[in-house]
Protein backbone atom coordinates (compact mmCIF):
# COMPACT_ATOMS: atom_id res chain seq x y z
CA MET A 1 71.07 116.75 67.62
CA SER A 2 69.87 116.76 71.11
CA GLN A 3 71.04 113.47 72.20
CA ILE A 4 73.97 111.25 70.75
CA THR A 5 74.77 107.63 70.47
CA ILE A 6 77.78 105.93 71.80
CA ALA A 7 79.47 102.70 71.66
CA ILE A 8 81.57 101.63 74.47
CA VAL A 9 84.57 99.52 73.39
CA GLY A 10 86.53 98.29 76.47
CA ALA A 11 83.95 97.91 79.38
CA GLY A 12 86.76 98.11 82.13
CA SER A 13 87.40 100.94 84.68
CA ARG A 14 87.53 103.81 82.43
CA GLY A 15 84.84 102.60 79.88
CA GLY A 16 82.53 101.88 82.76
CA SER A 17 83.16 105.42 84.14
CA TYR A 18 82.10 106.98 80.66
CA ALA A 19 78.92 104.88 80.47
CA ASP A 20 77.82 105.92 83.71
CA TRP A 21 78.30 109.54 83.04
CA VAL A 22 76.03 109.04 80.08
CA ALA A 23 73.42 107.12 82.52
CA ARG A 24 73.20 110.42 84.55
CA HIS A 25 72.74 112.66 81.45
CA PRO A 26 70.61 110.89 79.29
CA GLU A 27 69.59 114.33 77.68
CA HIS A 28 73.24 114.20 76.10
CA ALA A 29 73.79 110.93 75.27
CA ARG A 30 72.79 107.04 75.45
CA VAL A 31 74.92 103.95 75.22
CA VAL A 32 73.75 101.58 72.37
CA ALA A 33 76.31 99.12 72.27
CA VAL A 34 78.97 97.59 74.37
CA ALA A 35 82.13 95.44 72.98
CA GLU A 36 84.21 93.62 75.63
CA PRO A 37 85.22 90.14 75.56
CA ARG A 38 85.11 89.39 79.18
CA VAL A 39 81.43 88.48 79.85
CA GLU A 40 80.73 89.56 83.11
CA TYR A 41 81.87 93.12 82.78
CA ARG A 42 80.27 92.99 79.17
CA ASP A 43 76.79 92.13 80.75
CA LYS A 44 77.25 94.52 83.49
CA LEU A 45 77.07 97.65 81.14
CA VAL A 46 74.72 95.86 78.68
CA ALA A 47 71.98 95.66 81.44
CA ALA A 48 72.68 98.92 82.76
CA HIS A 49 72.29 100.60 79.47
CA ASP A 50 69.86 98.34 77.65
CA ALA A 51 72.67 98.35 74.83
CA GLU A 52 73.76 95.55 72.28
CA PRO A 53 76.17 93.19 73.17
CA TYR A 54 79.58 92.63 71.29
CA ALA A 55 82.17 90.40 72.21
CA ASP A 56 84.77 92.16 70.00
CA TRP A 57 84.62 95.60 68.49
CA ARG A 58 85.31 94.14 65.17
CA GLU A 59 81.85 92.68 64.92
CA ILE A 60 80.24 96.27 65.31
CA ILE A 61 82.50 97.45 62.23
CA ALA A 62 81.52 94.47 60.38
CA ARG A 63 77.60 95.55 60.52
CA GLY A 64 78.70 97.81 57.55
CA GLU A 65 76.61 100.67 58.81
CA ARG A 66 77.18 103.14 61.53
CA ILE A 67 75.50 102.12 64.56
CA ALA A 68 76.29 104.93 66.89
CA ASP A 69 77.44 108.79 66.43
CA ALA A 70 80.66 108.17 68.70
CA VAL A 71 83.08 105.46 70.06
CA ALA A 72 84.67 105.53 73.41
CA ILE A 73 87.67 103.26 72.86
CA CYS A 74 88.94 102.39 76.59
CA THR A 75 90.86 99.21 75.48
CA GLN A 76 94.18 98.56 76.91
CA ASP A 77 97.08 100.85 75.86
CA ALA A 78 98.43 98.65 73.02
CA ASP A 79 94.97 98.07 71.56
CA HIS A 80 94.28 101.29 70.72
CA LEU A 81 95.67 101.50 67.04
CA GLU A 82 93.61 99.19 65.19
CA PRO A 83 89.91 100.32 66.49
CA ALA A 84 90.97 103.76 66.29
CA LEU A 85 91.64 103.48 62.56
CA ALA A 86 88.82 101.43 61.75
CA PHE A 87 86.29 103.46 63.76
CA ALA A 88 87.80 106.52 62.27
CA ALA A 89 87.62 105.24 58.58
CA ALA A 90 83.67 104.15 59.24
CA GLY A 91 82.70 107.84 60.41
CA TYR A 92 82.98 107.64 64.24
CA HIS A 93 83.82 110.43 66.32
CA ILE A 94 86.10 109.00 68.66
CA LEU A 95 86.67 109.66 72.40
CA LEU A 96 90.17 107.78 73.04
CA GLU A 97 91.51 107.13 76.34
CA LYS A 98 95.11 108.08 76.83
CA PRO A 99 97.56 107.33 75.92
CA LEU A 100 97.37 107.56 72.31
CA ALA A 101 99.15 104.24 71.72
CA PRO A 102 102.25 102.94 73.01
CA THR A 103 104.53 103.87 70.17
CA GLU A 104 105.43 107.46 68.63
CA GLU A 105 104.60 105.99 64.89
CA GLU A 106 101.05 104.68 66.11
CA CYS A 107 100.26 107.85 68.21
CA ARG A 108 100.82 109.99 64.31
CA ARG A 109 99.12 107.42 62.85
CA ILE A 110 95.64 107.58 64.80
CA VAL A 111 96.08 111.66 64.87
CA ALA A 112 96.44 111.51 60.92
CA ALA A 113 93.78 108.91 60.38
CA CYS A 114 91.14 111.03 62.35
CA ALA A 115 92.08 114.25 60.49
CA ASP A 116 91.89 112.68 57.08
CA ALA A 117 88.38 111.15 58.11
CA ARG A 118 86.99 114.33 59.28
CA VAL A 119 86.08 112.79 62.60
CA MET A 120 86.60 114.54 66.08
CA LEU A 121 89.11 112.73 68.17
CA ALA A 122 89.02 113.70 71.83
CA VAL A 123 92.17 112.22 73.81
CA CYS A 124 91.34 111.76 77.61
CA HIS A 125 93.35 114.31 79.34
CA VAL A 126 91.00 114.62 81.93
CA LEU A 127 93.19 117.19 83.87
CA ARG A 128 92.21 119.71 81.12
CA TYR A 129 88.92 119.60 82.11
CA THR A 130 88.56 120.05 85.93
CA PRO A 131 87.18 123.22 87.57
CA TYR A 132 90.62 123.50 89.20
CA THR A 133 92.49 123.88 86.10
CA GLU A 134 89.73 126.22 84.82
CA LEU A 135 90.66 128.35 87.80
CA VAL A 136 94.42 128.21 87.25
CA LYS A 137 94.12 129.24 83.69
CA GLN A 138 91.90 132.25 85.11
CA ALA A 139 94.43 133.01 87.79
CA LEU A 140 97.20 133.19 85.60
CA PRO A 141 97.31 136.42 83.98
CA ARG A 142 98.01 137.81 87.49
CA ILE A 143 101.36 136.33 87.75
CA GLY A 144 102.40 137.91 84.43
CA LYS A 145 104.62 135.84 81.85
CA ILE A 146 105.45 132.39 83.03
CA VAL A 147 108.93 131.81 83.66
CA SER A 148 109.03 128.34 85.13
CA ILE A 149 106.88 125.87 86.67
CA GLN A 150 107.04 122.90 89.45
CA HIS A 151 104.75 120.05 89.24
CA LEU A 152 104.43 116.89 91.49
CA GLU A 153 102.32 113.87 90.84
CA PRO A 154 102.04 111.85 94.14
CA VAL A 155 101.13 108.44 92.89
CA GLY A 156 100.55 107.16 96.10
CA PHE A 157 102.13 104.05 97.81
CA TRP A 158 98.90 101.75 97.30
CA HIS A 159 98.14 103.02 93.83
CA GLN A 160 101.64 102.23 92.60
CA ALA A 161 101.20 98.71 94.00
CA HIS A 162 97.69 98.05 92.43
CA SER A 163 98.55 99.42 88.82
CA PHE A 164 102.21 99.42 88.55
CA VAL A 165 103.51 96.71 90.24
CA ARG A 166 100.80 94.02 90.36
CA GLY A 167 98.30 95.47 87.56
CA ASN A 168 98.14 96.24 84.05
CA TRP A 169 100.65 98.94 83.70
CA ARG A 170 103.57 96.99 85.72
CA ASN A 171 105.60 95.83 82.55
CA THR A 172 106.89 97.92 79.65
CA ALA A 173 106.52 95.12 77.22
CA GLU A 174 103.01 94.20 77.96
CA SER A 175 101.88 97.65 78.20
CA THR A 176 104.03 100.70 78.12
CA PHE A 177 106.55 102.75 80.43
CA MET A 178 105.44 104.66 83.23
CA LEU A 179 105.64 108.18 81.98
CA LEU A 180 103.43 107.43 78.99
CA ALA A 181 101.01 105.19 81.08
CA LYS A 182 100.67 107.44 84.08
CA SER A 183 102.15 110.78 83.95
CA CYS A 184 101.17 111.78 79.99
CA HIS A 185 98.28 113.32 81.94
CA ASP A 186 100.62 115.65 83.80
CA ILE A 187 103.14 116.44 80.77
CA ASP A 188 99.93 117.27 78.77
CA TRP A 189 98.62 119.57 81.33
CA LEU A 190 102.16 121.38 82.10
CA GLN A 191 101.93 122.20 78.27
CA TYR A 192 98.07 123.50 78.33
CA VAL A 193 98.51 125.65 81.67
CA VAL A 194 102.06 127.07 79.85
CA GLY A 195 100.33 127.59 76.81
CA ALA A 196 102.98 126.62 74.97
CA PRO A 197 104.44 123.27 73.07
CA ILE A 198 107.53 121.61 74.62
CA SER A 199 110.69 121.80 72.86
CA ARG A 200 113.32 120.23 74.81
CA VAL A 201 113.65 117.48 77.66
CA SER A 202 115.97 115.44 80.01
CA SER A 203 114.86 112.94 82.54
CA PHE A 204 116.10 110.82 85.74
CA GLY A 205 114.69 108.08 87.54
CA GLY A 206 114.18 104.17 88.07
CA LEU A 207 112.58 101.37 90.00
CA ALA A 208 113.86 102.03 93.49
CA HIS A 209 111.76 99.73 95.76
CA PHE A 210 109.59 97.26 94.41
CA THR A 211 112.03 94.56 93.58
CA ARG A 212 113.29 90.90 94.74
CA GLU A 213 116.16 92.17 96.58
CA ASN A 214 113.65 94.14 98.93
CA GLN A 215 111.46 91.60 99.62
CA PRO A 216 111.37 91.09 103.70
CA ALA A 217 112.91 88.18 105.06
CA GLY A 218 110.25 85.20 105.58
CA ALA A 219 107.63 86.92 103.03
CA ALA A 220 105.84 84.77 100.80
CA ASP A 221 105.08 85.52 97.22
CA ARG A 222 101.29 85.62 97.70
CA CYS A 223 99.88 88.17 100.55
CA THR A 224 97.20 85.22 101.27
CA ASP A 225 100.20 83.01 102.44
CA CYS A 226 102.09 85.42 104.30
CA ALA A 227 102.74 85.72 107.95
CA ILE A 228 104.13 89.25 108.03
CA THR A 229 101.49 91.67 109.54
CA ASP A 230 102.94 94.93 109.31
CA CYS A 231 103.52 95.34 105.47
CA ALA A 232 101.89 98.48 103.90
CA TYR A 233 101.40 96.82 100.55
CA ASP A 234 99.57 93.82 102.02
CA ALA A 235 96.71 93.23 99.43
CA ARG A 236 94.31 91.68 102.09
CA GLU A 237 94.57 95.05 104.02
CA ILE A 238 94.33 97.33 101.05
CA TYR A 239 91.27 95.90 99.29
CA HIS A 240 89.44 94.91 102.09
CA ARG A 241 90.00 98.36 103.80
CA PHE A 242 88.44 99.99 100.60
CA TYR A 243 85.44 97.53 100.74
CA ASP A 244 85.10 98.05 104.60
CA GLU A 245 84.96 102.14 103.82
CA GLY A 246 82.08 101.53 101.37
CA LYS A 247 84.05 101.47 97.85
CA ARG A 248 82.27 99.10 95.39
CA ASN A 249 83.90 100.75 92.29
CA TRP A 250 87.53 101.06 91.46
CA PRO A 251 89.84 99.77 92.56
CA LEU A 252 87.62 96.90 93.85
CA THR A 253 86.15 96.30 90.32
CA ILE A 254 89.58 95.50 88.81
CA LEU A 255 89.90 92.44 90.94
CA THR A 256 86.28 91.34 90.42
CA PRO A 257 83.04 92.61 88.52
CA ASN A 258 81.07 92.74 91.69
CA PRO A 259 83.10 93.01 95.08
CA THR A 260 82.28 91.08 98.15
CA PRO A 261 84.39 89.81 100.83
CA GLU A 262 84.61 86.63 99.11
CA SER A 263 85.10 87.49 95.49
CA LEU A 264 87.64 89.64 96.94
CA ASP A 265 89.66 86.91 98.85
CA GLU A 266 89.25 84.47 95.74
CA ALA A 267 90.83 87.21 93.95
CA LEU A 268 93.68 87.69 96.14
CA ARG A 269 94.39 83.94 96.48
CA GLU A 270 93.90 83.26 92.68
CA GLY A 271 94.49 86.56 90.77
CA PRO A 272 97.62 89.17 90.16
CA TYR A 273 96.51 91.36 92.36
CA GLY A 274 97.29 89.13 95.43
CA ARG A 275 100.88 88.58 94.71
CA CYS A 276 103.60 89.91 96.79
CA VAL A 277 105.06 93.37 95.54
CA TYR A 278 108.53 92.38 95.81
CA ALA A 279 107.76 89.23 93.65
CA CYS A 280 106.11 90.37 90.72
CA ASP A 281 107.47 90.86 86.75
CA ASN A 282 107.01 94.55 86.84
CA ASP A 283 110.08 96.83 85.40
CA VAL A 284 108.26 100.32 85.30
CA VAL A 285 109.83 102.95 87.48
CA ASP A 286 108.61 104.16 90.68
CA HIS A 287 110.01 107.66 90.93
CA GLN A 288 111.17 109.74 87.75
CA VAL A 289 111.74 113.31 87.00
CA VAL A 290 111.63 115.60 83.90
CA ALA A 291 113.21 118.85 83.14
CA LEU A 292 111.05 120.65 80.20
CA GLU A 293 111.59 123.54 78.24
CA PHE A 294 108.97 124.96 76.30
CA GLU A 295 108.91 127.40 73.00
CA GLY A 296 109.36 131.00 74.53
CA GLY A 297 111.76 130.01 76.90
CA ALA A 298 109.88 128.87 80.03
CA SER A 299 111.15 125.82 82.12
CA GLY A 300 109.75 123.60 83.94
CA ALA A 301 110.23 120.62 86.64
CA PHE A 302 108.40 117.51 87.30
CA THR A 303 108.27 114.85 89.52
CA MET A 304 106.61 111.37 90.00
CA THR A 305 106.79 109.36 93.03
CA ALA A 306 105.38 106.45 94.54
CA PHE A 307 106.36 107.21 97.89
CA ASN A 308 103.86 109.18 99.34
CA GLU A 309 99.83 109.36 100.09
CA GLN A 310 97.77 109.48 97.02
CA ALA A 311 96.50 112.82 96.70
CA HIS A 312 96.02 115.95 94.45
CA ARG A 313 99.05 117.02 92.26
CA LYS A 314 100.82 119.73 93.53
CA THR A 315 101.77 122.78 91.53
CA ARG A 316 103.68 126.22 91.78
CA ILE A 317 104.51 128.59 88.81
CA PHE A 318 106.56 131.37 88.99
CA GLY A 319 105.92 134.41 86.81
CA THR A 320 107.35 137.90 86.37
CA HIS A 321 104.58 139.65 88.65
CA GLY A 322 103.56 137.09 91.17
CA GLU A 323 103.71 133.28 92.06
CA LEU A 324 100.56 130.72 91.86
CA ASP A 325 100.59 127.85 94.36
CA GLY A 326 97.82 125.03 93.82
CA ASP A 327 97.21 122.03 95.47
CA GLY A 328 94.60 120.23 93.02
CA GLN A 329 91.67 122.36 94.94
CA THR A 330 92.92 125.47 96.26
CA VAL A 331 94.85 128.24 94.11
CA ARG A 332 96.84 130.96 96.10
CA VAL A 333 98.67 133.88 94.26
CA PHE A 334 101.33 135.99 95.72
CA ASP A 335 101.27 139.45 94.14
CA PHE A 336 105.05 141.15 94.33
CA VAL A 337 103.55 144.53 94.15
CA THR A 338 101.18 144.06 97.36
CA ARG A 339 103.44 141.13 98.80
CA THR A 340 100.28 139.34 99.97
CA TRP A 341 98.74 135.96 99.33
CA GLU A 342 95.00 135.69 97.90
CA ASP A 343 93.44 131.92 98.44
CA VAL A 344 90.68 131.21 95.67
CA GLU A 345 89.09 127.64 95.78
CA ALA A 346 87.72 125.94 92.89
CA GLU A 347 84.63 123.92 93.30
CA SER A 348 86.20 120.29 92.70
CA THR A 349 83.79 117.32 91.88
CA GLY A 350 85.50 114.02 93.68
CA ASP A 351 88.89 113.26 94.70
CA ALA A 352 92.03 113.03 92.72
CA SER A 353 91.65 109.20 91.78
CA ALA A 354 89.67 107.47 88.90
CA SER A 355 87.17 106.24 91.78
CA GLY A 356 86.77 110.18 92.31
CA GLY A 357 86.36 111.24 88.78
CA HIS A 358 89.83 112.58 88.70
CA GLY A 359 88.62 116.04 90.35
CA GLY A 360 85.62 116.61 87.83
CA GLY A 361 87.69 116.05 85.06
CA ASP A 362 85.81 112.62 83.71
CA ASP A 363 82.75 114.68 83.80
CA GLY A 364 84.22 117.52 81.79
CA ILE A 365 85.51 115.65 79.23
CA MET A 366 82.36 113.73 78.45
CA ALA A 367 80.35 117.04 78.60
CA ALA A 368 82.51 118.65 76.34
CA PHE A 369 83.08 115.78 73.70
CA THR A 370 79.29 114.99 73.70
CA THR A 371 78.44 118.79 73.03
CA ALA A 372 81.36 118.94 70.58
CA VAL A 373 79.35 115.69 68.62
CA ARG A 374 75.91 117.43 69.24
CA THR A 375 76.68 120.81 67.69
CA GLY A 376 79.38 119.59 65.43
CA ASP A 377 81.87 122.31 66.91
CA PRO A 378 85.40 120.71 67.96
CA ALA A 379 86.02 123.76 69.54
CA HIS A 380 84.39 122.58 72.75
CA ILE A 381 87.27 119.60 72.84
CA ARG A 382 90.64 120.93 74.59
CA SER A 383 92.59 117.76 74.12
CA GLY A 384 92.46 117.00 70.16
CA GLY A 385 94.75 114.98 68.17
CA GLU A 386 97.49 117.75 67.49
CA ALA A 387 97.91 119.15 71.09
CA SER A 388 97.71 115.79 72.20
CA LEU A 389 100.57 114.42 70.00
CA ASN A 390 102.82 117.06 70.98
CA SER A 391 102.47 116.09 74.55
CA HIS A 392 102.96 112.51 73.55
CA LEU A 393 106.03 113.32 71.61
CA ALA A 394 107.48 115.08 74.73
CA VAL A 395 106.70 111.74 76.91
CA PHE A 396 108.74 109.48 74.38
CA ALA A 397 111.51 112.04 74.14
CA ALA A 398 111.74 112.15 78.11
CA GLU A 399 111.87 108.55 78.02
CA ARG A 400 114.73 108.40 75.72
CA ALA A 401 116.44 110.95 77.47
CA ARG A 402 116.08 108.74 80.95
CA LEU A 403 117.50 105.61 79.31
CA GLN A 404 120.22 107.38 77.31
CA GLY A 405 121.22 110.11 79.49
CA THR A 406 120.67 112.55 76.86
CA VAL A 407 118.64 115.97 76.39
CA GLU A 408 116.24 115.34 73.88
CA THR A 409 114.39 117.71 71.37
CA VAL A 410 110.55 116.99 70.92
CA GLY A 411 108.97 116.69 67.47
């Protein structure tokens, strides 16, 4: 098979990103269908790919025959289970946006359904597919056996405000908790780098800043009505700055499918992204730490925090023969024998954000998934169902530990 066909379910930021990759690699794949209830977002992708439009993914299943080799399921987290089960049963290979699902039981059902149907499942843990991650894996033998690891996810002050205070992942009941929505990437990456499943976890964290109690005196509940001019979270400043810098994709396309100064202003006046960050219905944490124990005895410490510049993740890995220090682009290795550091750079594609392709991870997973489907060889997929399930279970266990003050066994 020289070219595979893909149906896109969910034409938002992630579905659009994967469809864009297909457009740049027509020798590998072609988008033949787009299912999305929002007409403007659906029509934009349909026109770009000359694909068949569907208002709902169920219309594709109702065709009674497979219309594509694979499907990219990029709906909201709570809407993963039903389409995943249906497309697996219909024989589609599945690219599934992370997280698998918002509950342990749903995660297990998706993985089992794909295994039973003998279809390939690739979960979009894109960090596994970056050139930087490949460089880390290549350098690890030089530091001996991994003893411990430290990892920081700097979410970024404006990104926290955009996605986890004003946006789709702000409220646990409507989406899921922060560690699953954002940091399942990182917990999965730690498992992949260490090369062993996570066995036990504990966790601490909370919502420290984005609450009504911290709203400045005189602030309005909507940025367009507010007279305060020196607020770091002023939505007018955040989104118009991106526009002035030339951005026309994420995060602006989350507010409006065709960003202009006028359409952004309208979205800020009327939509959720113009709300004051101290007057939203958010309840997810803005800082969290997780202590991890891996099978074999290695230990790990993970920190997620909103209060920083959005940047690449930062990692230090301590081994029996040396130390590895990484910042998402550069890897440095310290050798205990020579007592010297060596710097090595990975050729990263884009920045660490969604608009930058997650440092090459978006391209990497699409290349791997389409190759796996074309060749029939699932070995190209680094984030299959079983591997992803373990890191998801570790995330659920960590959240239980945070809420209950316990040490939790994963499994």
